[in-house]
Amino acid sequence: MYALIKPDEPFTRRAGQKLVYLGGQCRGRDWRLDVFSRFEGSNLGFISPRRESFIDPEMDPAGHAKQVAWEREAIEQADICLFWLGEGLNNQAARVEIGFALGLKKPVLLGAQPGFMGVEHLTGFSGLVVASSLDGLLARFGSVLE
């Protein structure tokens, strides 16, 4: 059974368990539910930065700084980072997180729904192959685990 680590929770893992950071789109339907469903019987720990409410950095700078510190530590603790990017110019924070994870030499798997703006720039700098569907991203993730 997988474990789920939510924002502000400690990063604990069972023996032999890999921790997977689930970064990216946080608005709208929660794509992470598909990950949990697909890997329900696995010995994985999923780190989800998705919060119920957005912390505005201008209205609550201390709360936002705490959130960013937790997310930085989450990526540092993760064995692999999985990102799903929504359409348009959303996901600005995720782009920074991807760069941070790559800087730490973490394995990064990336997917983006059609309409995501800037995929060519992101792939040009990172060298990552981008899955064009969530199913494709999860299939790649499953093959990495084998």
N, C-alpha and C. Protein backbone atom coordinates (compact mmCIF):
# COMPACT_ATOMS: atom_id res chain seq x y z
N MET A 1 0.85 -1.19 0.00
CA MET A 1 0.00 0.00 0.00
C MET A 1 0.88 1.24 0.00
N TYR A 2 0.60 2.17 -0.87
CA TYR A 2 1.37 3.39 -0.94
C TYR A 2 1.10 4.27 0.29
N ALA A 3 2.02 5.17 0.55
CA ALA A 3 1.85 6.16 1.61
C ALA A 3 1.73 7.53 0.96
N LEU A 4 1.03 8.44 1.63
CA LEU A 4 0.85 9.79 1.12
C LEU A 4 1.35 10.79 2.14
N ILE A 5 2.25 11.65 1.69
CA ILE A 5 2.77 12.74 2.52
C ILE A 5 2.19 14.03 1.97
N LYS A 6 1.46 14.74 2.84
CA LYS A 6 0.79 15.99 2.44
C LYS A 6 1.59 17.18 2.94
N PRO A 7 1.25 18.38 2.44
CA PRO A 7 1.99 19.59 2.85
C PRO A 7 2.13 19.72 4.37
N ASP A 8 3.34 20.08 4.74
CA ASP A 8 3.73 20.32 6.13
C ASP A 8 3.87 19.05 6.97
N GLU A 9 3.64 17.87 6.38
CA GLU A 9 3.86 16.62 7.10
C GLU A 9 5.33 16.22 6.98
N PRO A 10 5.83 15.44 7.95
CA PRO A 10 7.24 15.00 7.88
C PRO A 10 7.44 13.97 6.77
N PHE A 11 8.67 13.88 6.32
CA PHE A 11 9.03 12.96 5.24
C PHE A 11 9.51 11.65 5.83
N THR A 12 8.57 10.74 6.03
CA THR A 12 8.90 9.44 6.57
C THR A 12 8.73 8.40 5.47
N ARG A 13 9.52 7.33 5.58
CA ARG A 13 9.42 6.26 4.59
C ARG A 13 9.60 4.92 5.27
N ARG A 14 8.93 3.92 4.71
CA ARG A 14 9.10 2.55 5.18
C ARG A 14 10.38 1.99 4.56
N ALA A 15 10.84 0.89 5.13
CA ALA A 15 12.04 0.24 4.61
C ALA A 15 11.84 -0.12 3.14
N GLY A 16 12.81 0.23 2.31
CA GLY A 16 12.77 -0.10 0.89
C GLY A 16 11.82 0.75 0.06
N GLN A 17 11.21 1.73 0.67
CA GLN A 17 10.23 2.56 -0.03
C GLN A 17 10.89 3.72 -0.75
N LYS A 18 10.48 3.94 -2.00
CA LYS A 18 10.93 5.12 -2.75
C LYS A 18 9.92 6.23 -2.53
N LEU A 19 10.43 7.46 -2.42
CA LEU A 19 9.58 8.63 -2.30
C LEU A 19 9.48 9.33 -3.66
N VAL A 20 8.27 9.68 -4.05
CA VAL A 20 8.00 10.27 -5.36
C VAL A 20 7.32 11.62 -5.15
N TYR A 21 7.95 12.69 -5.63
CA TYR A 21 7.38 14.03 -5.56
C TYR A 21 6.43 14.21 -6.73
N LEU A 22 5.21 14.65 -6.46
CA LEU A 22 4.19 14.85 -7.49
C LEU A 22 3.94 16.33 -7.69
N GLY A 23 4.75 16.95 -8.53
CA GLY A 23 4.65 18.39 -8.75
C GLY A 23 3.85 18.72 -9.99
N GLY A 24 3.44 19.96 -10.06
CA GLY A 24 2.73 20.41 -11.24
C GLY A 24 1.36 20.94 -10.94
N GLN A 25 0.47 20.77 -11.88
CA GLN A 25 -0.86 21.37 -11.84
C GLN A 25 -1.57 21.10 -10.52
N CYS A 26 -2.02 22.18 -9.88
CA CYS A 26 -2.74 22.06 -8.60
C CYS A 26 -4.16 22.60 -8.67
N ARG A 27 -4.53 23.16 -9.77
CA ARG A 27 -5.90 23.70 -9.90
C ARG A 27 -6.74 22.74 -10.75
N GLY A 28 -8.03 22.75 -10.51
CA GLY A 28 -8.91 21.87 -11.27
C GLY A 28 -8.87 20.45 -10.72
N ARG A 29 -9.23 19.52 -11.57
CA ARG A 29 -9.25 18.11 -11.17
C ARG A 29 -7.87 17.67 -10.72
N ASP A 30 -7.82 16.92 -9.63
CA ASP A 30 -6.54 16.48 -9.08
C ASP A 30 -6.04 15.24 -9.82
N TRP A 31 -5.07 15.44 -10.70
CA TRP A 31 -4.48 14.37 -11.50
C TRP A 31 -3.77 13.34 -10.62
N ARG A 32 -3.39 13.74 -9.41
CA ARG A 32 -2.68 12.84 -8.51
C ARG A 32 -3.53 11.64 -8.13
N LEU A 33 -4.85 11.80 -8.14
CA LEU A 33 -5.75 10.69 -7.83
C LEU A 33 -5.54 9.53 -8.80
N ASP A 34 -5.23 9.84 -10.07
CA ASP A 34 -4.94 8.80 -11.06
C ASP A 34 -3.66 8.06 -10.70
N VAL A 35 -2.67 8.79 -10.19
CA VAL A 35 -1.41 8.17 -9.77
C VAL A 35 -1.68 7.21 -8.61
N PHE A 36 -2.41 7.69 -7.61
CA PHE A 36 -2.69 6.86 -6.43
C PHE A 36 -3.46 5.60 -6.83
N SER A 37 -4.42 5.74 -7.72
CA SER A 37 -5.22 4.61 -8.16
C SER A 37 -4.37 3.58 -8.91
N ARG A 38 -3.52 4.08 -9.78
CA ARG A 38 -2.71 3.18 -10.63
C ARG A 38 -1.65 2.44 -9.83
N PHE A 39 -1.12 3.07 -8.78
CA PHE A 39 -0.03 2.46 -8.01
C PHE A 39 -0.47 2.14 -6.58
N GLU A 40 -1.75 1.82 -6.43
CA GLU A 40 -2.35 1.58 -5.11
C GLU A 40 -1.63 0.50 -4.31
N GLY A 41 -1.24 -0.57 -4.93
CA GLY A 41 -0.62 -1.68 -4.22
C GLY A 41 0.89 -1.59 -4.10
N SER A 42 1.47 -0.47 -4.45
CA SER A 42 2.93 -0.34 -4.48
C SER A 42 3.50 0.06 -3.13
N ASN A 43 4.77 -0.17 -2.98
CA ASN A 43 5.50 0.27 -1.78
C ASN A 43 6.16 1.62 -2.10
N LEU A 44 5.34 2.59 -2.45
CA LEU A 44 5.83 3.93 -2.76
C LEU A 44 5.30 4.92 -1.74
N GLY A 45 6.05 5.98 -1.55
CA GLY A 45 5.58 7.11 -0.77
C GLY A 45 5.42 8.28 -1.71
N PHE A 46 4.21 8.81 -1.82
CA PHE A 46 3.95 9.94 -2.69
C PHE A 46 3.94 11.22 -1.86
N ILE A 47 4.68 12.21 -2.35
CA ILE A 47 4.72 13.52 -1.70
C ILE A 47 3.89 14.46 -2.56
N SER A 48 2.77 14.93 -2.01
CA SER A 48 1.89 15.81 -2.76
C SER A 48 1.92 17.22 -2.18
N PRO A 49 2.36 18.20 -2.98
CA PRO A 49 2.36 19.57 -2.50
C PRO A 49 1.00 20.26 -2.63
N ARG A 50 0.01 19.57 -3.17
CA ARG A 50 -1.31 20.18 -3.39
C ARG A 50 -1.96 20.54 -2.06
N ARG A 51 -2.37 21.79 -1.96
CA ARG A 51 -3.03 22.32 -0.77
C ARG A 51 -4.48 22.65 -1.10
N GLU A 52 -5.28 22.70 -0.07
CA GLU A 52 -6.68 23.06 -0.25
C GLU A 52 -6.85 24.52 -0.64
N SER A 53 -5.94 25.38 -0.17
CA SER A 53 -6.04 26.79 -0.51
C SER A 53 -4.66 27.32 -0.90
N PHE A 54 -4.66 28.29 -1.79
CA PHE A 54 -3.44 28.91 -2.29
C PHE A 54 -2.91 29.91 -1.28
N ILE A 55 -1.64 29.85 -0.98
CA ILE A 55 -1.03 30.82 -0.08
C ILE A 55 -0.46 31.95 -0.94
N ASP A 56 -1.04 33.12 -0.81
CA ASP A 56 -0.63 34.29 -1.58
C ASP A 56 0.65 34.86 -0.97
N PRO A 57 1.75 34.91 -1.74
CA PRO A 57 3.02 35.39 -1.18
C PRO A 57 2.98 36.85 -0.75
N GLU A 58 2.09 37.64 -1.34
CA GLU A 58 2.00 39.05 -0.94
C GLU A 58 1.16 39.24 0.31
N MET A 59 0.15 38.42 0.49
CA MET A 59 -0.73 38.54 1.66
C MET A 59 -0.18 37.79 2.87
N ASP A 60 0.56 36.72 2.63
CA ASP A 60 1.09 35.90 3.73
C ASP A 60 2.52 35.46 3.39
N PRO A 61 3.49 36.42 3.43
CA PRO A 61 4.86 36.07 3.05
C PRO A 61 5.47 34.97 3.92
N ALA A 62 5.16 34.97 5.21
CA ALA A 62 5.72 33.94 6.09
C ALA A 62 5.15 32.57 5.76
N GLY A 63 3.85 32.50 5.51
CA GLY A 63 3.22 31.23 5.14
C GLY A 63 3.74 30.72 3.82
N HIS A 64 3.93 31.63 2.88
CA HIS A 64 4.46 31.24 1.58
C HIS A 64 5.90 30.75 1.70
N ALA A 65 6.71 31.42 2.50
CA ALA A 65 8.11 30.99 2.70
C ALA A 65 8.15 29.60 3.32
N LYS A 66 7.24 29.33 4.25
CA LYS A 66 7.16 28.00 4.88
C LYS A 66 6.78 26.94 3.84
N GLN A 67 5.83 27.29 2.97
CA GLN A 67 5.41 26.37 1.91
C GLN A 67 6.58 26.05 0.98
N VAL A 68 7.29 27.08 0.54
CA VAL A 68 8.41 26.88 -0.37
C VAL A 68 9.50 26.04 0.29
N ALA A 69 9.78 26.30 1.56
CA ALA A 69 10.80 25.51 2.27
C ALA A 69 10.40 24.04 2.34
N TRP A 70 9.12 23.78 2.60
CA TRP A 70 8.64 22.38 2.66
C TRP A 70 8.78 21.73 1.28
N GLU A 71 8.41 22.45 0.23
CA GLU A 71 8.50 21.88 -1.12
C GLU A 71 9.95 21.65 -1.53
N ARG A 72 10.85 22.54 -1.15
CA ARG A 72 12.28 22.32 -1.44
C ARG A 72 12.76 21.04 -0.75
N GLU A 73 12.40 20.89 0.53
CA GLU A 73 12.82 19.69 1.25
C GLU A 73 12.18 18.45 0.64
N ALA A 74 10.92 18.57 0.20
CA ALA A 74 10.24 17.44 -0.42
C ALA A 74 11.01 16.95 -1.65
N ILE A 75 11.43 17.88 -2.48
CA ILE A 75 12.19 17.51 -3.68
C ILE A 75 13.54 16.92 -3.29
N GLU A 76 14.18 17.48 -2.28
CA GLU A 76 15.46 16.94 -1.81
C GLU A 76 15.29 15.51 -1.29
N GLN A 77 14.19 15.23 -0.62
CA GLN A 77 13.95 13.90 -0.05
C GLN A 77 13.52 12.87 -1.10
N ALA A 78 12.93 13.34 -2.18
CA ALA A 78 12.37 12.45 -3.19
C ALA A 78 13.45 11.66 -3.93
N ASP A 79 13.09 10.44 -4.29
CA ASP A 79 13.98 9.61 -5.12
C ASP A 79 13.73 9.88 -6.59
N ILE A 80 12.52 10.30 -6.92
CA ILE A 80 12.14 10.61 -8.29
C ILE A 80 11.08 11.71 -8.24
N CYS A 81 11.05 12.55 -9.26
CA CYS A 81 10.08 13.65 -9.32
C CYS A 81 9.23 13.48 -10.57
N LEU A 82 7.94 13.52 -10.37
CA LEU A 82 6.98 13.36 -11.45
C LEU A 82 6.18 14.65 -11.55
N PHE A 83 6.13 15.24 -12.75
CA PHE A 83 5.43 16.51 -12.96
C PHE A 83 4.41 16.38 -14.07
N TRP A 84 3.21 16.91 -13.81
CA TRP A 84 2.17 17.02 -14.83
C TRP A 84 1.81 18.49 -14.94
N LEU A 85 1.92 19.04 -16.15
CA LEU A 85 1.70 20.46 -16.37
C LEU A 85 0.43 20.69 -17.16
N GLY A 86 -0.39 21.61 -16.68
CA GLY A 86 -1.65 21.94 -17.33
C GLY A 86 -1.45 22.92 -18.48
N GLU A 87 -2.52 23.23 -19.14
CA GLU A 87 -2.44 24.08 -20.33
C GLU A 87 -2.17 25.54 -19.97
N GLY A 88 -1.77 26.29 -20.97
CA GLY A 88 -1.55 27.72 -20.82
C GLY A 88 -0.25 28.04 -20.12
N LEU A 89 -0.26 29.16 -19.42
CA LEU A 89 0.95 29.63 -18.73
C LEU A 89 0.91 29.35 -17.23
N ASN A 90 -0.01 28.49 -16.81
CA ASN A 90 -0.04 28.10 -15.40
C ASN A 90 1.22 27.31 -15.08
N ASN A 91 1.35 26.90 -13.88
CA ASN A 91 2.45 26.02 -13.46
C ASN A 91 3.79 26.73 -13.40
N GLN A 92 3.80 28.04 -13.15
CA GLN A 92 5.07 28.76 -13.06
C GLN A 92 5.95 28.18 -11.95
N ALA A 93 5.36 27.89 -10.79
CA ALA A 93 6.15 27.33 -9.69
C ALA A 93 6.72 25.97 -10.08
N ALA A 94 5.95 25.18 -10.80
CA ALA A 94 6.42 23.85 -11.20
C ALA A 94 7.64 23.95 -12.10
N ARG A 95 7.70 24.96 -12.93
CA ARG A 95 8.87 25.13 -13.80
C ARG A 95 10.13 25.36 -12.95
N VAL A 96 9.99 26.13 -11.89
CA VAL A 96 11.11 26.36 -10.98
C VAL A 96 11.47 25.06 -10.27
N GLU A 97 10.47 24.33 -9.82
CA GLU A 97 10.71 23.05 -9.13
C GLU A 97 11.41 22.05 -10.04
N ILE A 98 11.04 22.02 -11.30
CA ILE A 98 11.70 21.12 -12.26
C ILE A 98 13.18 21.47 -12.35
N GLY A 99 13.49 22.74 -12.50
CA GLY A 99 14.89 23.17 -12.55
C GLY A 99 15.65 22.82 -11.28
N PHE A 100 14.99 23.00 -10.13
CA PHE A 100 15.61 22.66 -8.85
C PHE A 100 15.91 21.16 -8.78
N ALA A 101 14.93 20.34 -9.16
CA ALA A 101 15.12 18.88 -9.14
C ALA A 101 16.24 18.46 -10.08
N LEU A 102 16.27 19.04 -11.27
CA LEU A 102 17.35 18.70 -12.21
C LEU A 102 18.71 19.14 -11.67
N GLY A 103 18.75 20.30 -11.01
CA GLY A 103 19.99 20.77 -10.40
C GLY A 103 20.50 19.83 -9.33
N LEU A 104 19.57 19.15 -8.66
CA LEU A 104 19.94 18.16 -7.64
C LEU A 104 20.25 16.79 -8.25
N LYS A 105 20.15 16.70 -9.58
CA LYS A 105 20.39 15.45 -10.32
C LYS A 105 19.36 14.38 -9.99
N LYS A 106 18.14 14.82 -9.69
CA LYS A 106 17.04 13.88 -9.43
C LYS A 106 16.48 13.38 -10.76
N PRO A 107 16.05 12.12 -10.82
CA PRO A 107 15.34 11.68 -12.01
C PRO A 107 14.01 12.44 -12.09
N VAL A 108 13.72 12.99 -13.26
CA VAL A 108 12.50 13.77 -13.47
C VAL A 108 11.74 13.20 -14.66
N LEU A 109 10.46 12.94 -14.45
CA LEU A 109 9.57 12.54 -15.52
C LEU A 109 8.56 13.66 -15.69
N LEU A 110 8.29 14.01 -16.94
CA LEU A 110 7.48 15.19 -17.22
C LEU A 110 6.40 14.88 -18.24
N GLY A 111 5.21 15.39 -17.95
CA GLY A 111 4.10 15.31 -18.89
C GLY A 111 3.40 16.65 -18.94
N ALA A 112 2.81 16.95 -20.09
CA ALA A 112 2.09 18.21 -20.25
C ALA A 112 0.90 17.98 -21.15
N GLN A 113 -0.23 18.52 -20.71
CA GLN A 113 -1.41 18.37 -21.56
C GLN A 113 -1.29 19.28 -22.77
N PRO A 114 -1.94 18.92 -23.86
CA PRO A 114 -1.91 19.78 -25.04
C PRO A 114 -2.34 21.20 -24.66
N GLY A 115 -1.65 22.17 -25.19
CA GLY A 115 -1.95 23.55 -24.88
C GLY A 115 -1.03 24.15 -23.83
N PHE A 116 -0.14 23.32 -23.26
CA PHE A 116 0.83 23.85 -22.32
C PHE A 116 1.79 24.74 -23.09
N MET A 117 1.94 25.97 -22.66
CA MET A 117 2.79 26.92 -23.38
C MET A 117 4.22 26.89 -22.85
N GLY A 118 5.16 26.75 -23.75
CA GLY A 118 6.57 26.77 -23.37
C GLY A 118 7.22 25.41 -23.31
N VAL A 119 6.52 24.37 -23.78
CA VAL A 119 7.09 23.02 -23.71
C VAL A 119 8.40 22.93 -24.51
N GLU A 120 8.49 23.61 -25.65
CA GLU A 120 9.71 23.54 -26.44
C GLU A 120 10.89 24.14 -25.69
N HIS A 121 10.64 25.24 -25.02
CA HIS A 121 11.69 25.90 -24.24
C HIS A 121 12.13 25.01 -23.07
N LEU A 122 11.15 24.44 -22.38
CA LEU A 122 11.43 23.58 -21.24
C LEU A 122 12.22 22.34 -21.66
N THR A 123 11.81 21.72 -22.75
CA THR A 123 12.53 20.53 -23.20
C THR A 123 13.90 20.88 -23.77
N GLY A 124 14.01 22.03 -24.41
CA GLY A 124 15.29 22.47 -24.96
C GLY A 124 16.33 22.65 -23.87
N PHE A 125 15.94 23.23 -22.76
CA PHE A 125 16.88 23.45 -21.67
C PHE A 125 17.13 22.19 -20.85
N SER A 126 16.09 21.38 -20.66
CA SER A 126 16.21 20.24 -19.74
C SER A 126 16.64 18.96 -20.43
N GLY A 127 16.33 18.82 -21.72
CA GLY A 127 16.60 17.57 -22.41
C GLY A 127 15.57 16.50 -22.09
N LEU A 128 14.53 16.85 -21.35
CA LEU A 128 13.51 15.87 -20.98
C LEU A 128 12.58 15.58 -22.15
N VAL A 129 12.09 14.37 -22.18
CA VAL A 129 11.05 13.97 -23.12
C VAL A 129 9.73 14.21 -22.39
N VAL A 130 8.79 14.84 -23.06
CA VAL A 130 7.53 15.19 -22.42
C VAL A 130 6.42 14.27 -22.91
N ALA A 131 5.77 13.58 -21.97
CA ALA A 131 4.60 12.77 -22.32
C ALA A 131 3.43 13.71 -22.60
N SER A 132 2.65 13.40 -23.62
CA SER A 132 1.55 14.28 -24.02
C SER A 132 0.20 13.87 -23.42
N SER A 133 0.23 12.83 -22.58
CA SER A 133 -0.99 12.43 -21.88
C SER A 133 -0.61 11.93 -20.50
N LEU A 134 -1.55 12.02 -19.59
CA LEU A 134 -1.30 11.52 -18.23
C LEU A 134 -1.08 10.02 -18.25
N ASP A 135 -1.84 9.30 -19.07
CA ASP A 135 -1.63 7.85 -19.19
C ASP A 135 -0.22 7.54 -19.67
N GLY A 136 0.26 8.31 -20.65
CA GLY A 136 1.62 8.12 -21.14
C GLY A 136 2.66 8.38 -20.07
N LEU A 137 2.46 9.43 -19.29
CA LEU A 137 3.38 9.74 -18.19
C LEU A 137 3.40 8.63 -17.16
N LEU A 138 2.22 8.12 -16.80
CA LEU A 138 2.15 7.06 -15.79
C LEU A 138 2.72 5.75 -16.32
N ALA A 139 2.59 5.49 -17.61
CA ALA A 139 3.20 4.29 -18.20
C ALA A 139 4.72 4.39 -18.13
N ARG A 140 5.26 5.58 -18.44
CA ARG A 140 6.71 5.78 -18.34
C ARG A 140 7.16 5.61 -16.90
N PHE A 141 6.42 6.17 -15.98
CA PHE A 141 6.75 6.04 -14.56
C PHE A 141 6.75 4.57 -14.14
N GLY A 142 5.74 3.83 -14.56
CA GLY A 142 5.68 2.40 -14.24
C GLY A 142 6.88 1.64 -14.78
N SER A 143 7.32 1.98 -15.98
CA SER A 143 8.48 1.28 -16.56
C SER A 143 9.78 1.64 -15.83
N VAL A 144 9.87 2.86 -15.30
CA VAL A 144 11.05 3.25 -14.52
C VAL A 144 11.12 2.45 -13.23
N LEU A 145 9.97 2.12 -12.67
CA LEU A 145 9.93 1.39 -11.41
C LEU A 145 10.30 -0.09 -11.57
N GLU A 146 10.16 -0.62 -12.77
CA GLU A 146 10.43 -2.06 -13.00
C GLU A 146 11.89 -2.37 -12.95
